[in-house]
Protein backbone atom coordinates (compact mmCIF):
# COMPACT_ATOMS: atom_id res chain seq x y z
CA MET A 1 87.30 92.83 94.81
CA GLY A 2 85.10 93.88 91.89
CA ILE A 3 86.26 93.85 88.28
CA ARG A 4 86.62 97.63 88.01
CA THR A 5 88.27 97.93 91.43
CA ALA A 6 90.76 95.25 90.38
CA GLY A 7 91.23 97.05 87.05
CA ARG A 8 92.01 100.34 88.77
CA ASP A 9 94.48 98.59 91.07
CA LEU A 10 96.18 96.98 88.10
CA ALA A 11 96.17 100.25 86.13
CA LEU A 12 97.90 102.04 89.01
CA LYS A 13 100.59 99.37 89.18
CA VAL A 14 101.15 99.57 85.44
CA LEU A 15 101.30 103.38 85.41
CA TYR A 16 103.75 103.32 88.31
CA GLN A 17 106.02 100.84 86.55
CA MET A 18 105.82 102.79 83.31
CA ASP A 19 106.96 105.87 85.22
CA ILE A 20 109.85 103.99 86.80
CA VAL A 21 111.19 102.64 83.50
CA GLY A 22 110.16 105.65 81.40
CA ASP A 23 108.40 103.50 78.80
CA ARG A 24 104.72 104.19 78.03
CA SER A 25 104.65 102.18 74.81
CA ALA A 26 101.85 99.81 73.88
CA THR A 27 104.39 96.96 73.90
CA ASN A 28 105.38 97.73 77.48
CA LEU A 29 101.73 98.06 78.48
CA ARG A 30 100.96 94.58 77.11
CA ALA A 31 104.02 93.08 78.78
CA LEU A 32 103.18 94.62 82.15
CA LEU A 33 99.54 93.55 81.98
CA GLU A 34 100.48 90.01 81.03
CA ALA A 35 102.97 89.78 83.89
CA MET A 36 100.37 90.59 86.56
CA PRO A 37 97.66 88.16 87.59
CA ALA A 38 94.16 89.50 86.95
CA HIS A 39 90.77 88.56 85.58
CA GLU A 40 90.60 89.21 81.83
CA ARG A 41 87.85 91.86 82.22
CA ALA A 42 89.90 93.65 84.91
CA ARG A 43 92.91 93.53 82.60
CA LYS A 44 90.84 95.04 79.75
CA PHE A 45 89.52 97.82 82.00
CA ALA A 46 93.06 98.51 83.24
CA ALA A 47 94.37 98.68 79.66
CA ASP A 48 91.64 101.18 78.73
CA LEU A 49 92.47 103.33 81.76
CA VAL A 50 96.22 103.28 81.14
CA GLN A 51 95.86 104.05 77.44
CA GLY A 52 93.54 106.96 78.26
CA VAL A 53 95.89 108.37 80.88
CA CYS A 54 98.95 108.00 78.63
CA ALA A 55 97.18 109.69 75.73
CA GLU A 56 96.36 112.74 77.87
CA LEU A 57 99.25 112.80 80.32
CA GLU A 58 100.28 116.42 79.77
CA ASN A 59 96.70 117.71 79.84
CA LEU A 60 95.96 115.77 83.04
CA ASP A 61 99.07 117.18 84.71
CA VAL A 62 98.08 120.72 83.73
CA LEU A 63 94.60 120.21 85.22
CA LEU A 64 96.03 118.72 88.39
CA ALA A 65 98.59 121.53 88.75
CA GLN A 66 95.72 124.03 88.66
CA VAL A 67 94.02 122.49 91.70
CA ILE A 68 97.00 121.47 93.82
CA THR A 69 97.69 124.32 96.19
CA ASN A 70 100.94 124.88 98.08
CA TRP A 71 102.53 121.97 96.28
CA SER A 72 103.90 121.24 92.82
CA ILE A 73 103.33 118.30 90.53
CA SER A 74 107.06 117.51 90.56
CA ARG A 75 106.98 117.06 94.35
CA LEU A 76 104.19 114.45 94.30
CA SER A 77 105.09 110.87 95.04
CA ARG A 78 104.80 108.68 91.95
CA ILE A 79 101.98 106.75 93.60
CA ASP A 80 99.89 109.82 94.47
CA HIS A 81 100.61 111.38 91.08
CA ASN A 82 99.45 108.30 89.17
CA ILE A 83 96.38 107.84 91.37
CA LEU A 84 95.43 111.44 90.62
CA ARG A 85 96.06 111.02 86.89
CA LEU A 86 94.00 107.84 86.82
CA ALA A 87 91.08 109.33 88.73
CA ALA A 88 91.17 112.62 86.81
CA TRP A 89 90.99 110.76 83.50
CA GLU A 90 88.14 108.61 84.81
CA LEU A 91 86.24 111.65 86.09
CA LEU A 92 86.56 113.38 82.75
CA HIS A 93 85.96 110.46 80.39
CA LEU A 94 83.96 107.63 81.96
CA ASP A 95 80.41 108.92 81.91
CA ASP A 96 79.01 105.67 83.30
CA VAL A 97 81.04 105.97 86.54
CA PRO A 98 79.67 108.38 89.16
CA ALA A 99 82.14 110.94 90.49
CA ARG A 100 81.70 109.58 94.02
CA VAL A 101 82.74 106.12 92.90
CA THR A 102 85.82 107.43 91.10
CA MET A 103 86.84 109.48 94.10
CA ASP A 104 86.17 106.71 96.64
CA GLU A 105 88.18 104.22 94.60
CA ALA A 106 91.09 106.67 94.26
CA ILE A 107 91.06 107.36 98.01
CA GLU A 108 91.17 103.63 98.72
CA LEU A 109 94.12 103.21 96.34
CA ALA A 110 95.88 106.08 98.10
CA LYS A 111 95.28 104.53 101.50
CA ARG A 112 96.51 101.14 100.27
CA TYR A 113 99.61 102.27 98.40
CA GLY A 114 100.41 105.81 99.53
CA ASP A 115 101.61 107.23 102.81
CA GLN A 116 99.49 108.08 105.85
CA ASN A 117 98.34 111.40 104.35
CA SER A 118 97.72 110.22 100.79
CA GLY A 119 94.02 109.44 101.23
CA GLN A 120 93.20 112.93 102.49
CA PHE A 121 95.42 114.58 99.90
CA VAL A 122 93.88 112.65 96.99
CA ASN A 123 90.39 113.38 98.32
CA GLY A 124 91.06 117.13 98.49
CA VAL A 125 92.63 117.35 95.04
CA LEU A 126 89.93 115.30 93.33
CA ASP A 127 87.14 117.15 95.10
CA MET A 128 88.55 120.47 93.86
CA LEU A 129 89.05 119.09 90.35
CA ALA A 130 85.51 117.71 90.23
CA GLN A 131 84.12 121.00 91.48
CA ARG A 132 86.04 123.10 88.94
CA ALA A 133 85.10 120.76 86.09
CA GLY A 134 81.43 120.75 87.15
CA LEU A 135 81.58 117.01 87.75
CA ARG A 136 81.19 116.76 91.51
CA HIS A 137 77.66 115.36 91.17
CA LYS A 138 78.24 113.35 87.99
CA GLY A 139 76.09 110.25 88.18
CA ASP A 140 74.66 110.93 91.64
CA GLU A 141 71.24 109.58 90.68
CA ASP A 142 72.85 106.39 89.36
CA PHE A 143 74.94 106.11 92.52
CA GLU A 144 71.89 106.39 94.79
CA VAL A 145 69.95 103.76 92.82
CA ALA A 146 72.94 101.38 92.88
CA LYS A 147 73.26 101.71 96.66
CA GLN A 148 69.66 100.53 97.25
């Protein structure tokens, strides 16, 4: 597992636990990160992701609510909700990560931790979000070069 993939995995676990206990403080973030085994660079990436998501939680939920059809944010599982928050923040703020990579990583997290429909659901929501934000092709040229 690559550093960023491991960081996303760790970030999801931290966001999920923060939701469960209702504590998004920096102290809780540090404690959760220290309690989970991870490479230091993955831990740093996870911390950056979690801090970004926590700083824009309400805005991310508003954006997600605009693209989720026939469903409400409050009905999302905590896993799917946090995967979507994480990926939405990454799409909007990490210019060096192609949209395809963000979406593929989120779908894999959904398949790993969500239910049998989570991968498809996350894919659909993120695709619509990326399209509406004009980010569907963000980094495509970088993605194609990296694949070669």
